[in-house]
Amino acid sequence: MSAALLVGMVVSSGEAQAGDAPRCSAWRAAGKGYEKLELRTCAPAEGDEDTSDESDDEDAASAVEIKSGYEDALKVRVELVTKGGTVEQLDVKLKNGENAAGTCKACRGHDDVKSFRVTAQEGAAEGGKDAAPEPLQKVAGTNHMEVLARDLRLTDTNAKRLDRIATRYHKATKKRLVVTGGTRTPQRQAQLMFDKLKRGDDVVALYENKAAATEVRNAYREAVARGEKRKGTIRAMREVIDAQIGRGTYVSKHLKSGAVDVRSWNMDGALEKALRDAVKQEPGVTLMDERDGPEPHFHMNLL
């Protein structure tokens, strides 16, 4: 997600698998939003190593393999961190099943990857980073989904993702998914954050973009310290949000039509599990539980 909706997980390196060469680490699952991806690294098979004097088997580049459980092809960026702290990135297109994803040139052996994270490639949904942004469309309700949001506009790609999630949820529960929040204006975002801050909520902890949330929180505190009333404080917060958008930063994905809120009334037990299962099957989509606030809901990031 932004340039790249980011979904990460830190994992400890696995033990080398016994058996024939090539030697490989254990398969390790990717993080939230990409639960059906697994990664391993393998040393070159015996006989494939460079046998020149400058070569050292421990310094040989490790092959990166990724196993995808998703039916659709994915364009992802994989960030590898070695035990020595070196970071490498691989941009790969994955199909269902096992994929050769490139090599980790900094790896010193097949088990040198300490951690990794997977994100969507920039521009993957639009066909490339130089392509024009995908236009937004108004999203209406269906037999599987009720739309109560004031304004729900999504790209065709994300509208289809939401529809697939709603369809899976309906199939499992016979209930429609109720979308209560969608696209937000900077003014509406400022109002919502004002209300949260006035209640004493920790908005920096709540929002994924901590730096952007901190800027908006600071604008709130400064306005309150100046003696501004609600209207003036919200205006100061909105100006910060406007400036952030101008430089390509978004405190909430609602501002770029990349998130929806889902009604959570009585959604526990089997209903909650059905929603989580439906979301997990859609790569890159993440679900946040925001049922503790005055307006309980599930927040779904589509970017």
Protein backbone atom coordinates (compact mmCIF):
# COMPACT_ATOMS: atom_id res chain seq x y z
CA MET A 1 0.00 0.00 0.00
CA SER A 2 0.20 4.57 -1.14
CA ALA A 3 3.03 3.64 -3.15
CA ALA A 4 2.85 0.40 -1.55
CA LEU A 5 0.36 -0.99 0.82
CA LEU A 6 2.87 -2.67 3.34
CA VAL A 7 2.22 -5.96 5.12
CA GLY A 8 5.16 -7.41 7.02
CA MET A 9 6.21 -10.24 9.34
CA VAL A 10 9.47 -10.97 11.10
CA VAL A 11 10.36 -14.64 11.32
CA SER A 12 13.29 -16.60 12.61
CA SER A 13 15.27 -18.61 10.12
CA GLY A 14 14.45 -22.29 9.85
CA GLU A 15 16.69 -25.27 9.96
CA ALA A 16 18.19 -26.61 6.76
CA GLN A 17 16.25 -29.51 5.29
CA ALA A 18 17.95 -32.85 5.26
CA GLY A 19 18.29 -34.72 2.03
CA ASP A 20 19.63 -34.14 -1.44
CA ALA A 21 21.15 -30.88 -2.64
CA PRO A 22 20.24 -28.13 -3.01
CA ARG A 23 20.16 -27.38 0.70
CA CYS A 24 17.12 -25.28 1.58
CA SER A 25 15.77 -23.51 4.63
CA ALA A 26 12.35 -24.46 5.94
CA TRP A 27 9.29 -22.87 4.33
CA ARG A 28 8.20 -19.80 6.29
CA ALA A 29 4.86 -18.04 6.05
CA ALA A 30 4.55 -14.41 5.02
CA GLY A 31 2.70 -11.90 7.16
CA LYS A 32 -0.74 -10.40 7.50
CA GLY A 33 -2.44 -9.89 4.18
CA TYR A 34 -0.30 -12.54 2.50
CA GLU A 35 -1.00 -15.57 4.68
CA LYS A 36 -1.01 -17.93 1.70
CA LEU A 37 2.56 -17.12 0.67
CA GLU A 38 5.57 -19.10 1.92
CA LEU A 39 9.26 -18.43 1.28
CA ARG A 40 12.46 -20.41 1.50
CA THR A 41 16.06 -19.94 0.34
CA CYS A 42 18.25 -22.63 -1.18
CA ALA A 43 21.99 -22.97 -1.72
CA PRO A 44 23.11 -23.85 -5.25
CA ALA A 45 22.86 -27.54 -6.05
CA GLU A 46 26.12 -29.46 -5.93
CA GLY A 47 27.99 -28.83 -9.16
CA ASP A 48 26.28 -25.47 -9.77
CA GLU A 49 28.64 -23.43 -7.59
CA ASP A 50 31.31 -21.18 -9.07
CA THR A 51 34.54 -23.13 -8.49
CA SER A 52 36.91 -20.24 -9.23
CA ASP A 53 39.46 -19.24 -6.60
CA GLU A 54 37.44 -16.11 -5.78
CA SER A 55 34.36 -18.14 -4.96
CA ASP A 56 33.39 -19.39 -1.53
CA ASP A 57 30.47 -21.75 -1.04
CA GLU A 58 29.31 -19.81 2.01
CA ASP A 59 29.24 -16.60 -0.03
CA ALA A 60 27.28 -18.10 -2.93
CA ALA A 61 24.01 -16.35 -3.75
CA SER A 62 20.97 -18.22 -2.45
CA ALA A 63 17.98 -18.91 -4.65
CA VAL A 64 14.70 -17.50 -3.33
CA GLU A 65 11.60 -19.65 -3.81
CA ILE A 66 8.05 -18.59 -3.02
CA LYS A 67 5.02 -20.83 -2.82
CA SER A 68 1.65 -19.15 -3.48
CA GLY A 69 -1.69 -20.55 -2.41
CA TYR A 70 -3.59 -17.82 -4.29
CA GLU A 71 -5.32 -18.70 -7.54
CA ASP A 72 -4.69 -15.30 -9.15
CA ALA A 73 -1.26 -14.03 -10.22
CA LEU A 74 0.33 -11.52 -7.84
CA LYS A 75 2.93 -8.81 -8.29
CA VAL A 76 4.76 -8.39 -4.99
CA ARG A 77 7.90 -6.90 -3.54
CA VAL A 78 9.87 -9.11 -1.15
CA GLU A 79 12.27 -7.45 1.28
CA LEU A 80 14.88 -9.83 2.69
CA VAL A 81 16.99 -9.05 5.76
CA THR A 82 20.08 -11.21 6.32
CA LYS A 83 21.53 -12.11 9.69
CA GLY A 84 24.21 -9.52 9.05
CA GLY A 85 21.60 -6.79 8.59
CA THR A 86 21.86 -6.42 4.80
CA VAL A 87 18.55 -5.66 3.08
CA GLU A 88 17.68 -6.83 -0.44
CA GLN A 89 14.49 -6.34 -2.44
CA LEU A 90 13.02 -8.54 -5.15
CA ASP A 91 10.09 -7.57 -7.38
CA VAL A 92 8.42 -10.74 -8.57
CA LYS A 93 5.27 -11.94 -10.30
CA LEU A 94 3.88 -15.04 -8.64
CA LYS A 95 1.54 -17.69 -9.96
CA ASN A 96 -0.27 -20.37 -8.01
CA GLY A 97 2.20 -22.99 -6.75
CA GLU A 98 5.99 -22.79 -6.39
CA ASN A 99 7.88 -19.90 -8.00
CA ALA A 100 11.55 -19.11 -8.57
CA ALA A 101 11.70 -15.56 -7.22
CA GLY A 102 15.33 -14.65 -7.87
CA THR A 103 18.44 -14.72 -5.71
CA CYS A 104 19.63 -13.22 -2.46
CA LYS A 105 23.06 -12.01 -3.48
CA ALA A 106 24.01 -10.91 0.04
CA CYS A 107 23.12 -14.25 1.62
CA ARG A 108 26.01 -16.24 3.06
CA GLY A 109 24.43 -19.66 2.82
CA HIS A 110 20.95 -21.06 2.43
CA ASP A 111 19.76 -20.13 5.96
CA ASP A 112 21.04 -16.56 6.17
CA VAL A 113 17.67 -14.80 5.78
CA LYS A 114 16.73 -13.59 9.25
CA SER A 115 13.41 -12.00 8.30
CA PHE A 116 11.36 -10.94 5.32
CA ARG A 117 8.25 -9.01 4.47
CA VAL A 118 5.94 -8.92 1.48
CA THR A 119 4.19 -5.87 0.03
CA ALA A 120 2.33 -5.11 -3.18
CA GLN A 121 4.51 -3.70 -5.93
CA GLU A 122 4.00 -0.01 -6.59
CA GLY A 123 1.46 0.34 -9.37
CA ALA A 124 0.75 -3.39 -9.46
CA ALA A 125 -3.00 -2.85 -9.57
CA GLU A 126 -2.70 -0.26 -12.32
CA GLY A 127 -0.35 -2.20 -14.57
CA GLY A 128 2.89 -0.43 -13.70
CA LYS A 129 4.21 2.53 -11.76
CA ASP A 130 4.19 4.74 -14.85
CA ALA A 131 0.58 3.95 -15.74
CA ALA A 132 -2.23 6.42 -15.10
CA PRO A 133 -4.09 5.85 -11.82
CA GLU A 134 -7.06 3.52 -12.13
CA PRO A 135 -10.29 5.58 -12.08
CA LEU A 136 -12.71 5.35 -9.18
CA GLN A 137 -16.26 4.11 -9.51
CA LYS A 138 -19.28 4.38 -7.27
CA VAL A 139 -19.96 1.07 -5.54
CA ALA A 140 -23.56 0.03 -4.95
CA GLY A 141 -25.06 -2.78 -2.90
CA THR A 142 -25.50 -6.32 -4.19
CA ASN A 143 -27.27 -9.48 -3.11
CA HIS A 144 -24.25 -10.17 -0.90
CA MET A 145 -23.47 -6.67 0.36
CA GLU A 146 -25.38 -3.69 1.76
CA VAL A 147 -23.76 -0.25 1.34
CA LEU A 148 -24.69 2.33 3.99
CA ALA A 149 -21.56 4.45 3.56
CA ARG A 150 -22.16 8.07 2.54
CA ASP A 151 -19.65 7.74 -0.26
CA LEU A 152 -18.11 4.47 -1.41
CA ARG A 153 -15.84 4.89 -4.43
CA LEU A 154 -13.24 2.27 -5.31
CA THR A 155 -11.11 1.29 -8.26
CA ASP A 156 -12.54 -1.53 -10.33
CA THR A 157 -9.81 -3.78 -8.93
CA ASN A 158 -10.71 -3.04 -5.31
CA ALA A 159 -14.45 -3.12 -5.98
CA LYS A 160 -14.02 -6.68 -7.26
CA ARG A 161 -11.92 -7.60 -4.23
CA LEU A 162 -14.61 -6.30 -1.88
CA ASP A 163 -17.30 -8.10 -3.84
CA ARG A 164 -15.41 -11.40 -3.60
CA ILE A 165 -15.04 -10.97 0.16
CA ALA A 166 -18.74 -10.19 0.53
CA THR A 167 -19.64 -13.19 -1.63
CA ARG A 168 -17.52 -15.54 0.50
CA TYR A 169 -19.00 -14.10 3.70
CA HIS A 170 -22.55 -14.50 2.40
CA LYS A 171 -21.87 -18.05 1.26
CA ALA A 172 -20.61 -18.99 4.72
CA THR A 173 -23.24 -17.13 6.77
CA LYS A 174 -26.22 -16.42 4.48
CA LYS A 175 -25.92 -12.81 5.67
CA ARG A 176 -25.03 -9.68 3.72
CA LEU A 177 -21.85 -7.80 4.52
CA VAL A 178 -22.80 -4.27 5.65
CA VAL A 179 -20.37 -1.51 4.59
CA THR A 180 -20.81 1.56 6.80
CA GLY A 181 -17.78 3.64 5.79
CA GLY A 182 -15.93 4.33 2.57
CA THR A 183 -14.29 7.33 0.94
CA ARG A 184 -13.55 10.32 3.19
CA THR A 185 -12.80 13.96 2.47
CA PRO A 186 -9.98 15.68 4.42
CA GLN A 187 -12.67 17.61 6.32
CA ARG A 188 -14.44 14.41 7.39
CA GLN A 189 -11.12 12.79 8.35
CA ALA A 190 -10.23 15.79 10.49
CA GLN A 191 -13.63 15.68 12.21
CA LEU A 192 -13.28 11.99 13.03
CA MET A 193 -9.76 12.42 14.37
CA PHE A 194 -10.86 15.44 16.41
CA ASP A 195 -13.56 13.37 18.08
CA LYS A 196 -11.09 10.56 18.82
CA LEU A 197 -8.53 12.95 20.31
CA LYS A 198 -11.16 14.76 22.39
CA ARG A 199 -12.15 11.38 23.87
CA GLY A 200 -8.52 10.75 24.74
CA ASP A 201 -7.89 8.06 22.12
CA ASP A 202 -4.30 7.34 21.08
CA VAL A 203 -4.55 8.08 17.36
CA VAL A 204 -0.86 7.37 16.78
CA ALA A 205 -1.41 3.80 17.94
CA LEU A 206 -4.64 3.53 15.97
CA TYR A 207 -3.36 4.60 12.54
CA GLU A 208 -0.87 2.63 10.47
CA ASN A 209 0.93 5.78 9.27
CA LYS A 210 2.36 6.84 12.63
CA ALA A 211 4.23 9.88 11.31
CA ALA A 212 1.15 11.31 9.61
CA ALA A 213 -1.04 10.63 12.65
CA THR A 214 1.52 12.37 14.88
CA GLU A 215 1.42 15.49 12.69
CA VAL A 216 -2.37 15.66 12.90
CA ARG A 217 -2.33 15.03 16.65
CA ASN A 218 0.22 17.81 17.12
CA ALA A 219 -1.97 20.21 15.11
CA TYR A 220 -4.85 19.35 17.46
CA ARG A 221 -2.74 19.96 20.56
CA GLU A 222 -1.38 23.25 19.26
CA ALA A 223 -4.86 24.50 18.33
CA VAL A 224 -6.26 23.55 21.73
CA ALA A 225 -3.31 25.29 23.43
CA ARG A 226 -4.14 28.45 21.44
CA GLY A 227 -7.69 28.30 22.74
CA GLU A 228 -9.28 27.33 19.42
CA LYS A 229 -12.81 25.95 19.54
CA ARG A 230 -13.95 22.83 17.68
CA LYS A 231 -14.32 24.53 14.29
CA GLY A 232 -10.91 26.21 14.39
CA THR A 233 -9.18 23.09 15.66
CA ILE A 234 -10.69 20.93 12.93
CA ARG A 235 -9.65 23.51 10.33
CA ALA A 236 -6.04 23.36 11.59
CA MET A 237 -6.11 19.57 11.46
CA ARG A 238 -7.62 19.56 7.97
CA GLU A 239 -4.89 21.90 6.71
CA VAL A 240 -2.27 19.41 7.89
CA ILE A 241 -4.13 16.55 6.19
CA ASP A 242 -4.40 18.59 2.97
CA ALA A 243 -0.64 19.24 3.06
CA GLN A 244 0.07 15.55 3.63
CA ILE A 245 -2.05 14.58 0.62
CA GLY A 246 -0.23 17.18 -1.46
CA ARG A 247 3.03 15.34 -0.87
CA GLY A 248 1.51 11.90 -1.37
CA THR A 249 1.04 10.96 2.29
CA TYR A 250 -2.26 9.67 3.68
CA VAL A 251 -3.03 9.33 7.37
CA SER A 252 -5.89 6.97 6.43
CA LYS A 253 -6.50 4.85 3.36
CA HIS A 254 -10.10 6.11 3.45
CA LEU A 255 -8.70 9.36 2.01
CA LYS A 256 -7.54 7.60 -1.15
CA SER A 257 -10.58 5.34 -1.50
CA GLY A 258 -8.61 2.34 -0.36
CA ALA A 259 -10.47 1.25 2.77
CA VAL A 260 -13.95 0.38 3.97
CA ASP A 261 -15.59 -0.01 7.36
CA VAL A 262 -17.78 -3.03 8.00
CA ARG A 263 -20.58 -3.22 10.57
CA SER A 264 -19.65 -5.43 13.51
CA TRP A 265 -22.94 -5.57 15.43
CA ASN A 266 -23.37 -9.09 16.84
CA MET A 267 -20.52 -10.26 14.62
CA ASP A 268 -18.77 -12.69 16.90
CA GLY A 269 -18.09 -16.40 16.95
CA ALA A 270 -18.87 -18.02 13.62
CA LEU A 271 -19.74 -14.70 11.92
CA GLU A 272 -16.43 -13.07 12.83
CA LYS A 273 -14.52 -16.18 11.75
CA ALA A 274 -16.35 -16.17 8.40
CA LEU A 275 -15.32 -12.56 7.78
CA ARG A 276 -11.71 -13.17 8.74
CA ASP A 277 -11.57 -16.26 6.54
CA ALA A 278 -13.08 -14.34 3.61
CA VAL A 279 -10.50 -11.55 3.99
CA LYS A 280 -7.56 -13.95 4.29
CA GLN A 281 -8.36 -15.41 0.89
CA GLU A 282 -7.87 -12.00 -0.74
CA PRO A 283 -4.11 -11.25 -0.95
CA GLY A 284 -3.01 -7.88 0.37
CA VAL A 285 -6.28 -7.09 2.18
CA THR A 286 -6.01 -6.64 5.95
CA LEU A 287 -8.65 -6.39 8.66
CA MET A 288 -8.41 -4.26 11.81
CA ASP A 289 -10.69 -4.74 14.82
CA GLU A 290 -12.01 -1.33 15.87
CA ARG A 291 -14.88 -2.48 18.05
CA ASP A 292 -13.60 -0.75 21.20
CA GLY A 293 -14.58 2.77 20.10
CA PRO A 294 -17.94 4.56 20.24
CA GLU A 295 -18.65 3.48 16.66
CA PRO A 296 -17.66 -0.23 16.66
CA HIS A 297 -16.67 -1.67 13.29
CA PHE A 298 -14.09 -3.67 11.38
CA HIS A 299 -11.73 -1.58 9.24
CA MET A 300 -10.67 -3.24 6.00
CA ASN A 301 -7.60 -1.99 4.11
CA LEU A 302 -7.78 -2.77 0.39
CA LEU A 303 -4.44 -1.11 -0.54
